[in-house]
Amino acid sequence: MRKVVIVALLSVFVATPAIAAGNAGQLYAGAKLSDGLGVFGGYTIDQKFSAEIEYTDLGSSGYWKSSAIGVSGVYSYPVKPLISLIGKLGMARASSDYSYLGTTYTRTNTDLSFSIGAQYTVNPQIGVQGGIQSYSLPSGAGSADSLYVAGVFKF
């Protein structure tokens, strides 16, 4: 399963530029703060569509500590010149560690992830995002739904 996730993540950088040939695409990267910390990067195919990869530390809850790595398609709908609504849909591999009495058990799960939010464009290279993101965690760990705020930097 790990190979499938690695291939999917690599395909974002290999296949997307080929699909977007001729479009004025742009790379971007960002950092987000929610229950934990996360980083992401992507490629803007056109004004409305992007492909994105991400890693998120989902934080701890009780005996559980979780993280996720994923790939998503991103749709951006401009509502004002500097404000866009954002929807993300993709696959994420979540890993949860359960620690109790000095013993740690690790469970993993690959499932759909999604996010809805908005972005404010500060200038052509910098944006600020906010929204809610949802991941399915391995059996017993539930799901991780968290509000986030992120900085986006375009290259």
N, C-alpha and C. Protein backbone atom coordinates (compact mmCIF):
# COMPACT_ATOMS: atom_id res chain seq x y z
N MET A 1 0.82 -1.19 0.00
CA MET A 1 0.00 0.00 0.00
C MET A 1 0.87 1.26 0.00
N ARG A 2 2.01 1.20 0.70
CA ARG A 2 2.90 2.35 0.76
C ARG A 2 3.38 2.74 -0.64
N LYS A 3 3.63 1.73 -1.49
CA LYS A 3 4.07 2.01 -2.86
C LYS A 3 2.99 2.75 -3.65
N VAL A 4 1.73 2.39 -3.44
CA VAL A 4 0.62 3.06 -4.13
C VAL A 4 0.57 4.53 -3.75
N VAL A 5 0.73 4.84 -2.47
CA VAL A 5 0.69 6.23 -2.02
C VAL A 5 1.88 7.00 -2.60
N ILE A 6 3.06 6.39 -2.60
CA ILE A 6 4.24 7.07 -3.15
C ILE A 6 4.06 7.35 -4.63
N VAL A 7 3.57 6.37 -5.38
CA VAL A 7 3.33 6.56 -6.81
C VAL A 7 2.30 7.67 -7.03
N ALA A 8 1.23 7.69 -6.24
CA ALA A 8 0.21 8.73 -6.39
C ALA A 8 0.78 10.11 -6.12
N LEU A 9 1.61 10.23 -5.10
CA LEU A 9 2.20 11.53 -4.78
C LEU A 9 3.17 11.98 -5.88
N LEU A 10 3.99 11.06 -6.37
CA LEU A 10 4.93 11.42 -7.43
C LEU A 10 4.20 11.79 -8.72
N SER A 11 3.07 11.16 -8.97
CA SER A 11 2.34 11.45 -10.21
C SER A 11 1.84 12.89 -10.26
N VAL A 12 1.64 13.52 -9.10
CA VAL A 12 1.21 14.92 -9.08
C VAL A 12 2.26 15.78 -9.77
N PHE A 13 3.54 15.51 -9.49
CA PHE A 13 4.59 16.32 -10.08
C PHE A 13 4.99 15.87 -11.48
N VAL A 14 4.74 14.62 -11.82
CA VAL A 14 5.12 14.12 -13.14
C VAL A 14 3.98 14.29 -14.14
N ALA A 15 2.78 13.86 -13.80
CA ALA A 15 1.67 13.86 -14.75
C ALA A 15 1.00 15.22 -14.89
N THR A 16 0.85 15.95 -13.82
CA THR A 16 0.12 17.21 -13.89
C THR A 16 0.76 18.21 -14.85
N PRO A 17 2.09 18.41 -14.84
CA PRO A 17 2.65 19.33 -15.81
C PRO A 17 2.40 18.89 -17.26
N ALA A 18 2.38 17.58 -17.51
CA ALA A 18 2.11 17.10 -18.86
C ALA A 18 0.66 17.40 -19.25
N ILE A 19 -0.26 17.20 -18.33
CA ILE A 19 -1.67 17.48 -18.60
C ILE A 19 -1.87 18.98 -18.83
N ALA A 20 -1.14 19.78 -18.07
CA ALA A 20 -1.33 21.22 -18.12
C ALA A 20 -0.45 21.92 -19.15
N ALA A 21 0.22 21.16 -20.01
CA ALA A 21 1.11 21.77 -21.00
C ALA A 21 0.35 22.84 -21.78
N GLY A 22 0.96 23.97 -21.92
CA GLY A 22 0.34 25.07 -22.64
C GLY A 22 -0.43 26.00 -21.72
N ASN A 23 -0.78 25.59 -20.50
CA ASN A 23 -1.46 26.47 -19.55
C ASN A 23 -0.42 27.25 -18.76
N ALA A 24 -0.82 28.40 -18.26
CA ALA A 24 0.08 29.20 -17.43
C ALA A 24 0.03 28.66 -16.01
N GLY A 25 0.68 27.53 -15.73
CA GLY A 25 0.66 26.91 -14.42
C GLY A 25 1.65 27.55 -13.47
N GLN A 26 1.48 27.26 -12.19
CA GLN A 26 2.32 27.85 -11.17
C GLN A 26 2.46 26.88 -10.01
N LEU A 27 3.67 26.77 -9.47
CA LEU A 27 3.90 25.97 -8.27
C LEU A 27 3.60 26.81 -7.03
N TYR A 28 3.15 26.14 -5.98
CA TYR A 28 2.93 26.84 -4.72
C TYR A 28 3.24 25.91 -3.56
N ALA A 29 3.51 26.48 -2.42
CA ALA A 29 3.77 25.72 -1.20
C ALA A 29 3.15 26.48 -0.04
N GLY A 30 2.93 25.77 1.05
CA GLY A 30 2.34 26.44 2.19
C GLY A 30 2.52 25.67 3.47
N ALA A 31 2.17 26.31 4.54
CA ALA A 31 2.19 25.71 5.87
C ALA A 31 0.85 26.00 6.52
N LYS A 32 0.34 25.00 7.26
CA LYS A 32 -0.95 25.21 7.91
C LYS A 32 -0.88 24.86 9.38
N LEU A 33 -1.73 25.52 10.12
CA LEU A 33 -1.83 25.33 11.56
C LEU A 33 -3.26 24.93 11.88
N SER A 34 -3.40 23.78 12.54
CA SER A 34 -4.72 23.31 12.99
C SER A 34 -4.50 22.68 14.35
N ASP A 35 -5.01 21.47 14.56
CA ASP A 35 -4.72 20.76 15.81
C ASP A 35 -3.24 20.40 15.88
N GLY A 36 -2.61 20.31 14.72
CA GLY A 36 -1.18 20.07 14.59
C GLY A 36 -0.64 20.99 13.51
N LEU A 37 0.49 20.64 12.96
CA LEU A 37 1.10 21.44 11.90
C LEU A 37 1.08 20.65 10.60
N GLY A 38 1.09 21.36 9.47
CA GLY A 38 1.11 20.68 8.19
C GLY A 38 1.84 21.50 7.15
N VAL A 39 2.28 20.82 6.10
CA VAL A 39 2.90 21.47 4.95
C VAL A 39 2.25 20.91 3.70
N PHE A 40 2.20 21.72 2.65
CA PHE A 40 1.62 21.25 1.40
C PHE A 40 2.28 21.95 0.23
N GLY A 41 2.14 21.35 -0.93
CA GLY A 41 2.67 21.94 -2.16
C GLY A 41 1.78 21.51 -3.30
N GLY A 42 1.76 22.32 -4.36
CA GLY A 42 0.89 21.97 -5.46
C GLY A 42 1.26 22.66 -6.74
N TYR A 43 0.47 22.36 -7.74
CA TYR A 43 0.65 22.91 -9.08
C TYR A 43 -0.70 23.43 -9.55
N THR A 44 -0.77 24.71 -9.90
CA THR A 44 -1.99 25.32 -10.40
C THR A 44 -2.12 25.02 -11.89
N ILE A 45 -3.14 24.26 -12.25
CA ILE A 45 -3.35 23.88 -13.64
C ILE A 45 -3.92 25.05 -14.43
N ASP A 46 -4.95 25.69 -13.88
CA ASP A 46 -5.51 26.91 -14.45
C ASP A 46 -6.12 27.72 -13.31
N GLN A 47 -6.91 28.72 -13.61
CA GLN A 47 -7.44 29.59 -12.56
C GLN A 47 -8.30 28.84 -11.55
N LYS A 48 -8.90 27.73 -11.93
CA LYS A 48 -9.83 27.03 -11.04
C LYS A 48 -9.33 25.68 -10.51
N PHE A 49 -8.40 25.02 -11.19
CA PHE A 49 -8.00 23.67 -10.80
C PHE A 49 -6.52 23.59 -10.43
N SER A 50 -6.25 22.81 -9.37
CA SER A 50 -4.88 22.55 -8.91
C SER A 50 -4.78 21.11 -8.45
N ALA A 51 -3.55 20.62 -8.37
CA ALA A 51 -3.25 19.32 -7.77
C ALA A 51 -2.31 19.59 -6.60
N GLU A 52 -2.51 18.88 -5.49
CA GLU A 52 -1.80 19.21 -4.27
C GLU A 52 -1.39 17.96 -3.51
N ILE A 53 -0.20 18.01 -2.87
CA ILE A 53 0.21 16.97 -1.94
C ILE A 53 0.36 17.63 -0.57
N GLU A 54 0.24 16.83 0.50
CA GLU A 54 0.34 17.42 1.83
C GLU A 54 0.78 16.40 2.86
N TYR A 55 1.35 16.90 3.94
CA TYR A 55 1.63 16.12 5.14
C TYR A 55 1.06 16.92 6.30
N THR A 56 0.32 16.26 7.17
CA THR A 56 -0.28 16.93 8.32
C THR A 56 -0.07 16.11 9.58
N ASP A 57 0.47 16.73 10.61
CA ASP A 57 0.52 16.13 11.93
C ASP A 57 -0.82 16.48 12.57
N LEU A 58 -1.64 15.46 12.82
CA LEU A 58 -3.00 15.70 13.30
C LEU A 58 -3.08 15.88 14.81
N GLY A 59 -1.96 15.82 15.48
CA GLY A 59 -1.95 16.04 16.92
C GLY A 59 -2.27 14.79 17.71
N SER A 60 -2.50 14.98 18.99
CA SER A 60 -2.76 13.89 19.92
C SER A 60 -4.13 14.02 20.56
N SER A 61 -4.71 12.88 20.90
CA SER A 61 -5.97 12.85 21.61
C SER A 61 -5.97 11.62 22.50
N GLY A 62 -5.91 11.82 23.79
CA GLY A 62 -5.86 10.69 24.71
C GLY A 62 -4.59 9.88 24.48
N TYR A 63 -4.75 8.61 24.15
CA TYR A 63 -3.61 7.73 23.91
C TYR A 63 -3.20 7.72 22.44
N TRP A 64 -3.90 8.44 21.57
CA TRP A 64 -3.66 8.42 20.12
C TRP A 64 -2.83 9.61 19.67
N LYS A 65 -1.92 9.37 18.71
CA LYS A 65 -1.18 10.43 18.01
C LYS A 65 -1.27 10.09 16.54
N SER A 66 -1.75 11.03 15.71
CA SER A 66 -2.04 10.73 14.31
C SER A 66 -1.38 11.71 13.35
N SER A 67 -1.14 11.22 12.12
CA SER A 67 -0.63 12.06 11.03
C SER A 67 -1.21 11.54 9.72
N ALA A 68 -1.13 12.35 8.67
CA ALA A 68 -1.66 11.95 7.37
C ALA A 68 -0.80 12.52 6.25
N ILE A 69 -0.70 11.77 5.16
CA ILE A 69 -0.04 12.23 3.94
C ILE A 69 -1.04 11.97 2.82
N GLY A 70 -1.20 12.94 1.92
CA GLY A 70 -2.23 12.76 0.91
C GLY A 70 -2.00 13.53 -0.37
N VAL A 71 -2.84 13.24 -1.34
CA VAL A 71 -2.86 13.91 -2.63
C VAL A 71 -4.30 14.30 -2.92
N SER A 72 -4.51 15.53 -3.44
CA SER A 72 -5.87 16.04 -3.65
C SER A 72 -5.97 16.84 -4.94
N GLY A 73 -7.18 16.84 -5.48
CA GLY A 73 -7.54 17.79 -6.52
C GLY A 73 -8.18 18.97 -5.83
N VAL A 74 -7.89 20.17 -6.30
CA VAL A 74 -8.37 21.39 -5.65
C VAL A 74 -9.18 22.20 -6.67
N TYR A 75 -10.37 22.63 -6.27
CA TYR A 75 -11.20 23.50 -7.10
C TYR A 75 -11.34 24.84 -6.39
N SER A 76 -11.07 25.92 -7.11
CA SER A 76 -11.15 27.26 -6.56
C SER A 76 -12.17 28.06 -7.34
N TYR A 77 -13.13 28.65 -6.61
CA TYR A 77 -14.18 29.45 -7.25
C TYR A 77 -14.06 30.89 -6.78
N PRO A 78 -13.62 31.80 -7.68
CA PRO A 78 -13.48 33.21 -7.28
C PRO A 78 -14.85 33.86 -7.03
N VAL A 79 -15.03 34.46 -5.84
CA VAL A 79 -16.27 35.17 -5.54
C VAL A 79 -16.07 36.68 -5.56
N LYS A 80 -14.87 37.11 -5.38
CA LYS A 80 -14.45 38.52 -5.47
C LYS A 80 -13.05 38.49 -6.08
N PRO A 81 -12.54 39.63 -6.53
CA PRO A 81 -11.21 39.62 -7.14
C PRO A 81 -10.11 39.01 -6.26
N LEU A 82 -10.19 39.17 -4.95
CA LEU A 82 -9.13 38.66 -4.07
C LEU A 82 -9.57 37.50 -3.18
N ILE A 83 -10.83 37.06 -3.29
CA ILE A 83 -11.36 36.01 -2.42
C ILE A 83 -11.90 34.85 -3.26
N SER A 84 -11.51 33.64 -2.88
CA SER A 84 -11.98 32.43 -3.58
C SER A 84 -12.45 31.40 -2.57
N LEU A 85 -13.51 30.67 -2.93
CA LEU A 85 -13.92 29.51 -2.16
C LEU A 85 -13.12 28.32 -2.68
N ILE A 86 -12.72 27.41 -1.78
CA ILE A 86 -11.86 26.30 -2.14
C ILE A 86 -12.49 24.99 -1.69
N GLY A 87 -12.47 23.99 -2.56
CA GLY A 87 -12.87 22.64 -2.22
C GLY A 87 -11.76 21.67 -2.60
N LYS A 88 -11.43 20.75 -1.71
CA LYS A 88 -10.38 19.76 -1.97
C LYS A 88 -10.97 18.37 -1.79
N LEU A 89 -10.62 17.46 -2.69
CA LEU A 89 -11.04 16.07 -2.59
C LEU A 89 -9.87 15.20 -3.01
N GLY A 90 -9.54 14.22 -2.18
CA GLY A 90 -8.39 13.38 -2.50
C GLY A 90 -8.32 12.13 -1.65
N MET A 91 -7.15 11.53 -1.67
CA MET A 91 -6.86 10.34 -0.89
C MET A 91 -5.78 10.67 0.12
N ALA A 92 -5.92 10.14 1.32
CA ALA A 92 -4.91 10.35 2.36
C ALA A 92 -4.63 9.04 3.07
N ARG A 93 -3.38 8.87 3.40
CA ARG A 93 -2.97 7.71 4.20
C ARG A 93 -2.72 8.23 5.61
N ALA A 94 -3.58 7.82 6.52
CA ALA A 94 -3.48 8.26 7.91
C ALA A 94 -2.79 7.17 8.73
N SER A 95 -1.97 7.60 9.64
CA SER A 95 -1.28 6.69 10.55
C SER A 95 -1.56 7.15 11.97
N SER A 96 -1.96 6.21 12.82
CA SER A 96 -2.26 6.52 14.21
C SER A 96 -1.47 5.60 15.12
N ASP A 97 -0.80 6.19 16.08
CA ASP A 97 -0.06 5.42 17.09
C ASP A 97 -0.85 5.45 18.39
N TYR A 98 -1.06 4.27 18.94
CA TYR A 98 -1.75 4.12 20.21
C TYR A 98 -0.72 3.71 21.25
N SER A 99 -0.52 4.53 22.27
CA SER A 99 0.46 4.22 23.31
C SER A 99 -0.24 4.03 24.64
N TYR A 100 0.08 2.89 25.28
CA TYR A 100 -0.52 2.59 26.57
C TYR A 100 0.44 1.70 27.36
N LEU A 101 0.75 2.10 28.57
CA LEU A 101 1.63 1.36 29.46
C LEU A 101 2.95 1.00 28.80
N GLY A 102 3.53 1.96 28.07
CA GLY A 102 4.84 1.77 27.47
C GLY A 102 4.87 1.00 26.16
N THR A 103 3.72 0.55 25.68
CA THR A 103 3.65 -0.18 24.43
C THR A 103 2.94 0.68 23.39
N THR A 104 3.50 0.71 22.17
CA THR A 104 2.91 1.51 21.10
C THR A 104 2.46 0.60 19.97
N TYR A 105 1.24 0.79 19.53
CA TYR A 105 0.68 0.07 18.39
C TYR A 105 0.42 1.08 17.28
N THR A 106 0.74 0.72 16.04
CA THR A 106 0.52 1.62 14.91
C THR A 106 -0.52 1.02 13.98
N ARG A 107 -1.48 1.83 13.60
CA ARG A 107 -2.50 1.45 12.62
C ARG A 107 -2.49 2.45 11.48
N THR A 108 -2.73 1.98 10.26
CA THR A 108 -2.79 2.87 9.10
C THR A 108 -4.08 2.65 8.34
N ASN A 109 -4.46 3.67 7.57
CA ASN A 109 -5.70 3.63 6.81
C ASN A 109 -5.55 4.54 5.60
N THR A 110 -6.00 4.09 4.44
CA THR A 110 -6.03 4.93 3.24
C THR A 110 -7.48 5.12 2.85
N ASP A 111 -7.92 6.38 2.77
CA ASP A 111 -9.33 6.68 2.52
C ASP A 111 -9.45 8.09 1.94
N LEU A 112 -10.68 8.48 1.62
CA LEU A 112 -10.94 9.81 1.10
C LEU A 112 -10.66 10.88 2.16
N SER A 113 -10.20 12.02 1.69
CA SER A 113 -10.09 13.20 2.53
C SER A 113 -10.73 14.35 1.77
N PHE A 114 -11.25 15.32 2.50
CA PHE A 114 -11.85 16.46 1.83
C PHE A 114 -11.70 17.70 2.70
N SER A 115 -11.84 18.85 2.06
CA SER A 115 -11.71 20.12 2.75
C SER A 115 -12.56 21.17 2.03
N ILE A 116 -13.11 22.09 2.80
CA ILE A 116 -13.76 23.25 2.23
C ILE A 116 -13.23 24.47 2.97
N GLY A 117 -13.12 25.58 2.25
CA GLY A 117 -12.60 26.78 2.88
C GLY A 117 -12.60 27.95 1.93
N ALA A 118 -11.77 28.93 2.25
CA ALA A 118 -11.66 30.14 1.45
C ALA A 118 -10.21 30.61 1.46
N GLN A 119 -9.86 31.36 0.41
CA GLN A 119 -8.53 31.95 0.33
C GLN A 119 -8.63 33.43 0.04
N TYR A 120 -7.82 34.20 0.75
CA TYR A 120 -7.68 35.63 0.49
C TYR A 120 -6.30 35.85 -0.13
N THR A 121 -6.25 36.49 -1.29
CA THR A 121 -4.99 36.75 -1.96
C THR A 121 -4.45 38.10 -1.50
N VAL A 122 -3.35 38.04 -0.75
CA VAL A 122 -2.72 39.25 -0.22
C VAL A 122 -2.03 40.02 -1.35
N ASN A 123 -1.26 39.29 -2.15
CA ASN A 123 -0.62 39.84 -3.35
C ASN A 123 -0.41 38.67 -4.32
N PRO A 124 0.11 38.87 -5.52
CA PRO A 124 0.21 37.76 -6.47
C PRO A 124 1.03 36.56 -5.99
N GLN A 125 1.90 36.72 -4.99
CA GLN A 125 2.71 35.61 -4.49
C GLN A 125 2.27 35.06 -3.14
N ILE A 126 1.40 35.74 -2.42
CA ILE A 126 1.06 35.33 -1.05
C ILE A 126 -0.45 35.29 -0.87
N GLY A 127 -0.92 34.22 -0.22
CA GLY A 127 -2.33 34.10 0.12
C GLY A 127 -2.51 33.52 1.51
N VAL A 128 -3.70 33.68 2.05
CA VAL A 128 -4.04 33.13 3.36
C VAL A 128 -5.31 32.30 3.18
N GLN A 129 -5.26 31.06 3.66
CA GLN A 129 -6.42 30.15 3.57
C GLN A 129 -6.96 29.85 4.96
N GLY A 130 -8.23 29.52 5.00
CA GLY A 130 -8.85 29.03 6.22
C GLY A 130 -9.94 28.06 5.82
N GLY A 131 -10.18 27.06 6.65
CA GLY A 131 -11.22 26.10 6.31
C GLY A 131 -11.31 24.97 7.31
N ILE A 132 -12.00 23.92 6.89
CA ILE A 132 -12.11 22.71 7.69
C ILE A 132 -11.70 21.54 6.81
N GLN A 133 -10.91 20.62 7.39
CA GLN A 133 -10.44 19.46 6.66
C GLN A 133 -10.81 18.21 7.44
N SER A 134 -11.13 17.14 6.68
CA SER A 134 -11.54 15.89 7.31
C SER A 134 -10.72 14.72 6.77
N TYR A 135 -10.24 13.89 7.69
CA TYR A 135 -9.51 12.66 7.37
C TYR A 135 -10.19 11.50 8.07
N SER A 136 -10.20 10.33 7.45
CA SER A 136 -10.64 9.10 8.11
C SER A 136 -9.41 8.46 8.74
N LEU A 137 -9.48 8.21 10.03
CA LEU A 137 -8.36 7.59 10.73
C LEU A 137 -8.57 6.08 10.81
N PRO A 138 -7.51 5.34 11.14
CA PRO A 138 -7.65 3.89 11.27
C PRO A 138 -8.70 3.50 12.30
N SER A 139 -9.19 2.28 12.17
CA SER A 139 -10.22 1.74 13.07
C SER A 139 -9.84 1.96 14.52
N GLY A 140 -10.78 2.48 15.27
CA GLY A 140 -10.56 2.74 16.68
C GLY A 140 -10.14 4.16 16.98
N ALA A 141 -9.57 4.85 15.98
CA ALA A 141 -9.09 6.21 16.19
C ALA A 141 -10.09 7.26 15.73
N GLY A 142 -11.17 6.84 15.05
CA GLY A 142 -12.21 7.77 14.64
C GLY A 142 -11.85 8.55 13.39
N SER A 143 -12.20 9.83 13.37
CA SER A 143 -11.86 10.69 12.24
C SER A 143 -11.27 11.98 12.80
N ALA A 144 -10.58 12.68 11.92
CA ALA A 144 -9.98 13.95 12.33
C ALA A 144 -10.58 15.05 11.49
N ASP A 145 -11.41 15.85 12.10
CA ASP A 145 -11.99 17.02 11.45
C ASP A 145 -11.42 18.23 12.19
N SER A 146 -10.74 19.10 11.44
CA SER A 146 -10.12 20.22 12.13
C SER A 146 -10.21 21.50 11.31
N LEU A 147 -10.37 22.60 12.01
CA LEU A 147 -10.27 23.92 11.41
C LEU A 147 -8.80 24.22 11.19
N TYR A 148 -8.49 24.93 10.11
CA TYR A 148 -7.10 25.27 9.87
C TYR A 148 -6.98 26.68 9.29
N VAL A 149 -5.80 27.24 9.45
CA VAL A 149 -5.41 28.48 8.79
C VAL A 149 -4.05 28.19 8.16
N ALA A 150 -3.83 28.72 6.95
CA ALA A 150 -2.61 28.40 6.22
C ALA A 150 -2.10 29.62 5.46
N GLY A 151 -0.79 29.65 5.31
CA GLY A 151 -0.15 30.63 4.45
C GLY A 151 0.24 29.94 3.16
N VAL A 152 0.01 30.59 2.01
CA VAL A 152 0.30 30.03 0.70
C VAL A 152 1.30 30.94 -0.01
N PHE A 153 2.36 30.33 -0.57
CA PHE A 153 3.41 31.08 -1.23
C PHE A 153 3.57 30.54 -2.65
N LYS A 154 3.40 31.40 -3.65
CA LYS A 154 3.47 30.98 -5.06
C LYS A 154 4.86 31.31 -5.61
N PHE A 155 5.34 30.41 -6.49
CA PHE A 155 6.66 30.60 -7.11
C PHE A 155 6.52 31.05 -8.55
